[in-house]
C-alpha atoms as a PDB file:
ATOM      1  CA  MET A   1      -1.096 -36.264  13.016  1.00  0.00           C
ATOM      2  CA  ILE A   2       1.803 -33.687  13.153  1.00  0.00           C
ATOM      3  CA  LEU A   3       2.009 -30.960  10.502  1.00  0.00           C
ATOM      4  CA  SER A   4       3.643 -27.666   9.964  1.00  0.00           C
ATOM      5  CA  THR A   5       1.837 -24.493   9.187  1.00  0.00           C
ATOM      6  CA  PRO A   6       2.211 -20.688   9.512  1.00  0.00           C
ATOM      7  CA  GLY A   7      -0.178 -19.100  11.816  1.00  0.00           C
ATOM      8  CA  LEU A   8      -1.392 -15.653  13.095  1.00  0.00           C
ATOM      9  CA  VAL A   9      -2.069 -15.200  16.810  1.00  0.00           C
ATOM     10  CA  LEU A  10      -5.462 -13.822  17.581  1.00  0.00           C
ATOM     11  CA  HIS A  11      -5.984 -14.347  21.334  1.00  0.00           C
ATOM     12  CA  THR A  12      -4.420 -16.041  24.339  1.00  0.00           C
ATOM     13  CA  THR A  13      -5.890 -17.134  27.704  1.00  0.00           C
ATOM     14  CA  PRO A  14      -3.953 -18.316  30.735  1.00  0.00           C
ATOM     15  CA  TYR A  15      -4.201 -22.191  31.260  1.00  0.00           C
ATOM     16  CA  ALA A  16      -2.933 -24.260  34.061  1.00  0.00           C
ATOM     17  CA  GLU A  17       0.140 -23.119  35.879  1.00  0.00           C
ATOM     18  CA  SER A  18       2.444 -22.048  33.078  1.00  0.00           C
ATOM     19  CA  SER A  19       0.679 -22.503  29.776  1.00  0.00           C
ATOM     20  CA  VAL A  20      -1.788 -20.600  27.570  1.00  0.00           C
ATOM     21  CA  VAL A  21      -4.588 -21.594  25.187  1.00  0.00           C
ATOM     22  CA  ALA A  22      -3.947 -19.612  21.990  1.00  0.00           C
ATOM     23  CA  LYS A  23      -6.630 -18.909  19.173  1.00  0.00           C
ATOM     24  CA  VAL A  24      -4.505 -19.125  16.055  1.00  0.00           C
ATOM     25  CA  PHE A  25      -5.624 -18.437  12.451  1.00  0.00           C
ATOM     26  CA  THR A  26      -3.533 -21.038  10.544  1.00  0.00           C
ATOM     27  CA  ARG A  27      -2.970 -21.053   6.785  1.00  0.00           C
ATOM     28  CA  GLN A  28      -3.374 -24.859   6.432  1.00  0.00           C
ATOM     29  CA  LEU A  29      -6.229 -25.530   8.983  1.00  0.00           C
ATOM     30  CA  GLY A  30      -8.084 -22.360   9.480  1.00  0.00           C
ATOM     31  CA  LEU A  31      -8.947 -21.136  12.997  1.00  0.00           C
ATOM     32  CA  ARG A  32      -7.640 -23.475  15.665  1.00  0.00           C
ATOM     33  CA  SER A  33      -7.123 -23.571  19.520  1.00  0.00           C
ATOM     34  CA  TYR A  34      -3.782 -24.737  20.879  1.00  0.00           C
ATOM     35  CA  ILE A  35      -2.214 -25.152  24.348  1.00  0.00           C
ATOM     36  CA  ILE A  36       1.275 -23.727  24.436  1.00  0.00           C
ATOM     37  CA  LYS A  37       3.294 -24.937  27.315  1.00  0.00           C
ATOM     38  CA  GLY A  38       5.961 -23.047  29.158  1.00  0.00           C
ATOM     39  CA  VAL A  39       4.878 -19.485  28.547  1.00  0.00           C
ATOM     40  CA  ARG A  40       4.135 -17.952  31.799  1.00  0.00           C
ATOM     41  CA  GLY A  41       6.728 -17.695  34.477  1.00  0.00           C
ATOM     42  CA  ARG A  42      10.492 -16.711  34.670  1.00  0.00           C
ATOM     43  CA  SER A  43      11.549 -19.881  33.204  1.00  0.00           C
ATOM     44  CA  GLY A  44       9.244 -20.129  30.297  1.00  0.00           C
ATOM     45  CA  ARG A  45      10.668 -21.530  27.217  1.00  0.00           C
ATOM     46  CA  VAL A  46       8.263 -19.520  25.119  1.00  0.00           C
ATOM     47  CA  LYS A  47       8.381 -15.828  25.343  1.00  0.00           C
ATOM     48  CA  GLN A  48       5.243 -13.971  25.825  1.00  0.00           C
ATOM     49  CA  ASN A  49       6.057 -11.355  23.149  1.00  0.00           C
ATOM     50  CA  LEU A  50       5.945 -14.057  20.547  1.00  0.00           C
ATOM     51  CA  LEU A  51       2.329 -14.343  21.146  1.00  0.00           C
ATOM     52  CA  GLN A  52       1.321 -10.760  20.736  1.00  0.00           C
ATOM     53  CA  PRO A  53      -1.817  -9.942  18.568  1.00  0.00           C
ATOM     54  CA  LEU A  54      -1.289 -10.797  15.013  1.00  0.00           C
ATOM     55  CA  SER A  55       2.202 -12.310  15.564  1.00  0.00           C
ATOM     56  CA  SER A  56       3.184 -14.540  12.612  1.00  0.00           C
ATOM     57  CA  LEU A  57       4.616 -17.912  13.546  1.00  0.00           C
ATOM     58  CA  ASP A  58       5.959 -21.021  11.833  1.00  0.00           C
ATOM     59  CA  MET A  59       4.540 -23.732  13.820  1.00  0.00           C
ATOM     60  CA  VAL A  60       4.614 -27.577  14.022  1.00  0.00           C
ATOM     61  CA  VAL A  61       1.372 -28.707  15.546  1.00  0.00           C
ATOM     62  CA  TYR A  62      -0.496 -31.845  16.610  1.00  0.00           C
ATOM     63  CA  ASP A  63      -3.780 -31.938  14.720  1.00  0.00           C
ATOM     64  CA  ASN A  64      -6.446 -34.413  16.026  1.00  0.00           C
ATOM     65  CA  PRO A  65      -9.768 -33.750  14.332  1.00  0.00           C
ATOM     66  CA  ARG A  66     -11.692 -35.406  17.224  1.00  0.00           C
ATOM     67  CA  THR A  67     -10.727 -32.621  19.718  1.00  0.00           C
ATOM     68  CA  ASP A  68     -11.235 -28.778  19.638  1.00  0.00           C
ATOM     69  CA  LEU A  69      -7.833 -28.245  21.706  1.00  0.00           C
ATOM     70  CA  ASN A  70      -4.540 -29.444  20.390  1.00  0.00           C
ATOM     71  CA  TYR A  71      -0.944 -28.745  21.174  1.00  0.00           C
ATOM     72  CA  ILE A  72       1.766 -26.770  19.492  1.00  0.00           C
ATOM     73  CA  LYS A  73       5.112 -28.765  19.406  1.00  0.00           C
ATOM     74  CA  GLU A  74       7.377 -26.019  17.967  1.00  0.00           C
ATOM     75  CA  LEU A  75       7.035 -22.436  17.139  1.00  0.00           C
ATOM     76  CA  THR A  76       9.331 -19.728  15.650  1.00  0.00           C
ATOM     77  CA  PRO A  77       8.696 -16.101  14.736  1.00  0.00           C
ATOM     78  CA  ARG A  78       8.335 -15.237  11.176  1.00  0.00           C
ATOM     79  CA  ASN A  79       8.560 -11.477  11.447  1.00  0.00           C
ATOM     80  CA  PRO A  80      10.535 -10.780  14.779  1.00  0.00           C
ATOM     81  CA  GLY A  81      11.642  -7.397  13.379  1.00  0.00           C
ATOM     82  CA  LEU A  82       8.455  -5.542  13.112  1.00  0.00           C
ATOM     83  CA  PRO A  83       8.656  -2.187  14.526  1.00  0.00           C
ATOM     84  CA  SER A  84       6.638  -1.157  17.572  1.00  0.00           C
ATOM     85  CA  GLU A  85       4.805   2.079  16.887  1.00  0.00           C
ATOM     86  CA  PRO A  86       1.443   3.437  17.877  1.00  0.00           C
ATOM     87  CA  VAL A  87      -0.281   3.406  14.434  1.00  0.00           C
ATOM     88  CA  GLY A  88       0.994  -0.029  13.527  1.00  0.00           C
ATOM     89  CA  ASN A  89       0.215  -1.567  16.876  1.00  0.00           C
ATOM     90  CA  SER A  90      -3.307  -0.009  16.770  1.00  0.00           C
ATOM     91  CA  LEU A  91      -3.974  -1.393  13.193  1.00  0.00           C
ATOM     92  CA  ARG A  92      -2.770  -4.823  14.292  1.00  0.00           C
ATOM     93  CA  PHE A  93      -5.004  -4.769  17.416  1.00  0.00           C
ATOM     94  CA  PHE A  94      -7.983  -3.654  15.155  1.00  0.00           C
ATOM     95  CA  MET A  95      -7.279  -6.395  12.614  1.00  0.00           C
ATOM     96  CA  THR A  96      -6.867  -8.978  15.289  1.00  0.00           C
ATOM     97  CA  GLU A  97     -10.329  -8.045  16.798  1.00  0.00           C
ATOM     98  CA  VAL A  98     -12.051  -8.307  13.497  1.00  0.00           C
ATOM     99  CA  LEU A  99     -10.693 -11.770  12.783  1.00  0.00           C
ATOM    100  CA  TYR A 100     -11.236 -13.001  16.289  1.00  0.00           C
ATOM    101  CA  LYS A 101     -14.825 -12.031  16.321  1.00  0.00           C
ATOM    102  CA  ALA A 102     -15.561 -12.954  12.596  1.00  0.00           C
ATOM    103  CA  LEU A 103     -13.761 -16.327  12.186  1.00  0.00           C
ATOM    104  CA  ARG A 104     -15.124 -19.591  13.197  1.00  0.00           C
ATOM    105  CA  GLU A 105     -13.233 -22.933  13.454  1.00  0.00           C
ATOM    106  CA  ALA A 106     -14.074 -24.387   9.974  1.00  0.00           C
ATOM    107  CA  GLU A 107     -12.328 -24.797   6.684  1.00  0.00           C
ATOM    108  CA  PRO A 108      -8.986 -23.243   5.801  1.00  0.00           C
ATOM    109  CA  MET A 109      -9.104 -19.791   4.230  1.00  0.00           C
ATOM    110  CA  PRO A 110      -5.554 -19.546   2.711  1.00  0.00           C
ATOM    111  CA  ALA A 111      -6.193 -16.476   0.427  1.00  0.00           C
ATOM    112  CA  LEU A 112      -7.619 -14.637   3.533  1.00  0.00           C
ATOM    113  CA  TRP A 113      -4.584 -15.763   5.525  1.00  0.00           C
ATOM    114  CA  ASP A 114      -2.215 -14.483   2.869  1.00  0.00           C
ATOM    115  CA  TYR A 115      -3.960 -11.080   2.704  1.00  0.00           C
ATOM    116  CA  VAL A 116      -3.911 -10.742   6.514  1.00  0.00           C
ATOM    117  CA  ASP A 117      -0.221 -11.842   6.901  1.00  0.00           C
ATOM    118  CA  GLU A 118       0.722  -9.290   4.144  1.00  0.00           C
ATOM    119  CA  GLN A 119      -1.246  -6.519   5.807  1.00  0.00           C
ATOM    120  CA  SER A 120       0.178  -7.141   9.259  1.00  0.00           C
ATOM    121  CA  SER A 121       3.633  -6.489   8.080  1.00  0.00           C
ATOM    122  CA  ALA A 122       3.155  -4.005   5.369  1.00  0.00           C
ATOM    123  CA  SER A 123       4.230  -0.400   5.270  1.00  0.00           C
ATOM    124  CA  ARG A 124       1.754   2.144   6.454  1.00  0.00           C
ATOM    125  CA  GLU A 125       1.875   4.762   3.777  1.00  0.00           C
ATOM    126  CA  ALA A 126      -1.853   4.609   3.245  1.00  0.00           C
ATOM    127  CA  LYS A 127      -2.723   4.072   6.946  1.00  0.00           C
ATOM    128  CA  ALA A 128      -6.034   5.874   6.982  1.00  0.00           C
ATOM    129  CA  ASN A 129      -7.668   3.596   4.506  1.00  0.00           C
ATOM    130  CA  VAL A 130      -6.591   0.319   5.944  1.00  0.00           C
ATOM    131  CA  PRO A 131      -9.470  -0.309   8.446  1.00  0.00           C
ATOM    132  CA  VAL A 132     -12.153   0.181   5.862  1.00  0.00           C
ATOM    133  CA  THR A 133     -10.430  -1.745   3.207  1.00  0.00           C
ATOM    134  CA  PHE A 134      -9.596  -4.495   5.492  1.00  0.00           C
ATOM    135  CA  MET A 135     -13.067  -4.984   6.725  1.00  0.00           C
ATOM    136  CA  LEU A 136     -14.312  -5.098   3.076  1.00  0.00           C
ATOM    137  CA  LYS A 137     -11.759  -7.620   2.203  1.00  0.00           C
ATOM    138  CA  VAL A 138     -12.743  -9.861   5.206  1.00  0.00           C
ATOM    139  CA  ALA A 139     -16.261  -9.382   4.358  1.00  0.00           C
ATOM    140  CA  TYR A 140     -15.569 -10.773   0.803  1.00  0.00           C
ATOM    141  CA  HIS A 141     -13.804 -13.839   2.119  1.00  0.00           C
ATOM    142  CA  MET A 142     -16.517 -14.482   4.714  1.00  0.00           C
ATOM    143  CA  GLY A 143     -19.082 -14.286   1.887  1.00  0.00           C
ATOM    144  CA  ILE A 144     -20.918 -11.225   3.140  1.00  0.00           C
ATOM    145  CA  GLU A 145     -19.541  -8.562   0.774  1.00  0.00           C
ATOM    146  CA  PRO A 146     -21.705  -5.700   0.172  1.00  0.00           C
ATOM    147  CA  MET A 147     -23.301  -5.864  -3.346  1.00  0.00           C
ATOM    148  CA  ASP A 148     -22.108  -2.961  -5.378  1.00  0.00           C
ATOM    149  CA  ASN A 149     -25.262  -2.035  -7.430  1.00  0.00           C
ATOM    150  CA  HIS A 150     -25.090   1.558  -6.588  1.00  0.00           C
ATOM    151  CA  SER A 151     -26.773   3.845  -9.243  1.00  0.00           C
ATOM    152  CA  ARG A 152     -28.809   7.005  -9.344  1.00  0.00           C
ATOM    153  CA  ARG A 153     -31.918   4.985  -9.007  1.00  0.00           C
ATOM    154  CA  GLU A 154     -30.448   3.088  -5.972  1.00  0.00           C
ATOM    155  CA  PRO A 155     -28.239   5.404  -4.126  1.00  0.00           C
ATOM    156  CA  TYR A 156     -28.720   4.273  -0.540  1.00  0.00           C
ATOM    157  CA  PHE A 157     -26.868   1.319   1.056  1.00  0.00           C
ATOM    158  CA  ASP A 158     -29.143  -0.771   3.157  1.00  0.00           C
ATOM    159  CA  LEU A 159     -27.222  -2.544   5.987  1.00  0.00           C
ATOM    160  CA  GLN A 160     -29.750  -5.241   6.475  1.00  0.00           C
ATOM    161  CA  GLU A 161     -30.007  -6.181   2.770  1.00  0.00           C
ATOM    162  CA  GLY A 162     -26.436  -5.840   1.962  1.00  0.00           C
ATOM    163  CA  ARG A 163     -27.184  -3.830  -1.289  1.00  0.00           C
ATOM    164  CA  PHE A 164     -28.008  -0.471  -2.540  1.00  0.00           C
ATOM    165  CA  VAL A 165     -31.762   0.488  -2.613  1.00  0.00           C
ATOM    166  CA  SER A 166     -33.955   3.205  -4.023  1.00  0.00           C
ATOM    167  CA  GLU A 167     -35.614   4.333  -0.863  1.00  0.00           C
ATOM    168  CA  PRO A 168     -34.130   5.508   2.497  1.00  0.00           C
ATOM    169  CA  ASP A 169     -35.312   3.889   5.840  1.00  0.00           C
ATOM    170  CA  GLU A 170     -33.891   3.099   9.340  1.00  0.00           C
ATOM    171  CA  ASN A 171     -31.546   0.612   7.812  1.00  0.00           C
ATOM    172  CA  THR A 172     -29.918   2.696   5.084  1.00  0.00           C
ATOM    173  CA  LEU A 173     -26.921   4.989   5.090  1.00  0.00           C
ATOM    174  CA  PRO A 174     -27.235   8.433   3.925  1.00  0.00           C
ATOM    175  CA  ALA A 175     -26.671   9.082   0.189  1.00  0.00           C
ATOM    176  CA  GLY A 176     -23.169  10.673   0.808  1.00  0.00           C
ATOM    177  CA  LEU A 177     -21.988   7.870   2.851  1.00  0.00           C
ATOM    178  CA  SER A 178     -23.433   5.380   0.429  1.00  0.00           C
ATOM    179  CA  GLN A 179     -21.540   7.024  -2.323  1.00  0.00           C
ATOM    180  CA  THR A 180     -18.249   6.769  -0.356  1.00  0.00           C
ATOM    181  CA  LEU A 181     -18.868   3.015   0.390  1.00  0.00           C
ATOM    182  CA  HIS A 182     -19.526   2.524  -3.418  1.00  0.00           C
ATOM    183  CA  GLU A 183     -16.180   4.220  -4.175  1.00  0.00           C
ATOM    184  CA  TYR A 184     -14.320   1.840  -1.870  1.00  0.00           C
ATOM    185  CA  LEU A 185     -16.177  -1.121  -3.317  1.00  0.00           C
ATOM    186  CA  SER A 186     -15.666  -0.158  -6.966  1.00  0.00           C
ATOM    187  CA  THR A 187     -11.925   0.489  -7.231  1.00  0.00           C
ATOM    188  CA  GLU A 188      -8.682  -0.819  -5.755  1.00  0.00           C
ATOM    189  CA  THR A 189      -7.109   2.698  -5.582  1.00  0.00           C
ATOM    190  CA  GLN A 190      -6.674   4.585  -2.492  1.00  0.00           C
ATOM    191  CA  HIS A 191      -9.323   7.092  -1.550  1.00  0.00           C
ATOM    192  CA  ALA A 192      -9.359  10.792  -0.457  1.00  0.00           C
ATOM    193  CA  ALA A 193     -12.096  10.284   1.920  1.00  0.00           C
ATOM    194  CA  SER A 194     -12.316  12.787   4.738  1.00  0.00           C
ATOM    195  CA  LEU A 195     -11.705  11.736   8.416  1.00  0.00           C
ATOM    196  CA  GLN A 196     -15.338  11.991   9.139  1.00  0.00           C
ATOM    197  CA  GLU A 197     -16.188   9.893   6.211  1.00  0.00           C
ATOM    198  CA  ARG A 198     -13.773   7.194   7.119  1.00  0.00           C
ATOM    199  CA  THR A 199     -15.024   7.253  10.733  1.00  0.00           C
ATOM    200  CA  ASP A 200     -18.691   6.987   9.839  1.00  0.00           C
ATOM    201  CA  LEU A 201     -18.165   4.366   7.327  1.00  0.00           C
ATOM    202  CA  LEU A 202     -16.072   2.297   9.663  1.00  0.00           C
ATOM    203  CA  ASP A 203     -18.697   2.377  12.212  1.00  0.00           C
ATOM    204  CA  ALA A 204     -21.302   1.474   9.703  1.00  0.00           C
ATOM    205  CA  LEU A 205     -19.241  -1.506   8.710  1.00  0.00           C
ATOM    206  CA  ILE A 206     -19.190  -2.644  12.231  1.00  0.00           C
ATOM    207  CA  VAL A 207     -22.908  -2.536  12.336  1.00  0.00           C
ATOM    208  CA  TYR A 208     -22.939  -4.431   9.048  1.00  0.00           C
ATOM    209  CA  PHE A 209     -20.818  -7.227  10.432  1.00  0.00           C
ATOM    210  CA  GLN A 210     -22.954  -7.457  13.512  1.00  0.00           C
ATOM    211  CA  LEU A 211     -26.055  -7.782  11.311  1.00  0.00           C
ATOM    212  CA  HIS A 212     -24.542 -10.513   9.143  1.00  0.00           C
ATOM    213  CA  LEU A 213     -22.229 -12.526  11.388  1.00  0.00           C
ATOM    214  CA  SER A 214     -23.350 -14.067  14.689  1.00  0.00           C
ATOM    215  CA  GLY A 215     -21.069 -13.410  17.610  1.00  0.00           C
ATOM    216  CA  PHE A 216     -19.559 -10.138  16.082  1.00  0.00           C
ATOM    217  CA  SER A 217     -20.469  -7.987  19.179  1.00  0.00           C
ATOM    218  CA  HIS A 218     -18.895  -5.611  21.765  1.00  0.00           C
ATOM    219  CA  PHE A 219     -16.352  -4.215  19.242  1.00  0.00           C
ATOM    220  CA  HIS A 220     -13.940  -1.470  20.821  1.00  0.00           C
ATOM    221  CA  SER A 221     -10.596  -1.297  18.948  1.00  0.00           C
ATOM    222  CA  HIS A 222     -12.070   1.091  16.182  1.00  0.00           C
ATOM    223  CA  GLU A 223     -12.443   3.762  19.000  1.00  0.00           C
ATOM    224  CA  ILE A 224      -8.770   3.941  19.338  1.00  0.00           C
ATOM    225  CA  LEU A 225      -8.189   4.073  15.666  1.00  0.00           C
ATOM    226  CA  HIS A 226     -10.562   7.104  15.308  1.00  0.00           C
ATOM    227  CA  THR A 227      -8.228   8.975  17.624  1.00  0.00           C
ATOM    228  CA  ILE A 228      -4.845   7.834  15.966  1.00  0.00           C
ATOM    229  CA  LEU A 229      -5.675   7.900  12.363  1.00  0.00           C
ATOM    230  CA  LYS A 230      -6.436  11.560  12.041  1.00  0.00           C
END
């Protein structure tokens, strides 16, 4: 079957002499793996810069449900004019790594796709909060969103349980950081969290994803963000 779908590039690997295998988060099909011919080499018909992390493409693809590896017949960029600048590039790398490690080839997730596509090309006026809010949104769509039951009686967030609890232990966040997480969970408005609070909360959310999603390991892109988003 041949169908059209927009897609977001997550990862590419060299394949054969001039092709690549691309992991693409598609709106209609979810996460899929595709062979794209004619990418590598001077005479490649597909430019490598079209396949950068989180590049948004309109694609015509072959979809055979009996194989894990299909072909892309046609592709065109959807946002060729995105500016290349350190903060935007670092955020896209971060979002790409989250999705690449979190998603599995399964059912479509169009609402998550729309959110990611919007974020990948949005203005960066509230850059500092993007990593935390992005991870919480992905957690929501993956079905592992932290439960916001924060109260004076249950002020500590338990990373293993995914909820706020009354007593601290080795799995809980400190009360202050738990309060910061509650504030992110309870409102859509932007936050005035300090750099240290954002850094600590992002590190905690990465641990949270590692506890609740298999294969979410060896995460690195947040280290660059800690330096850039000061």
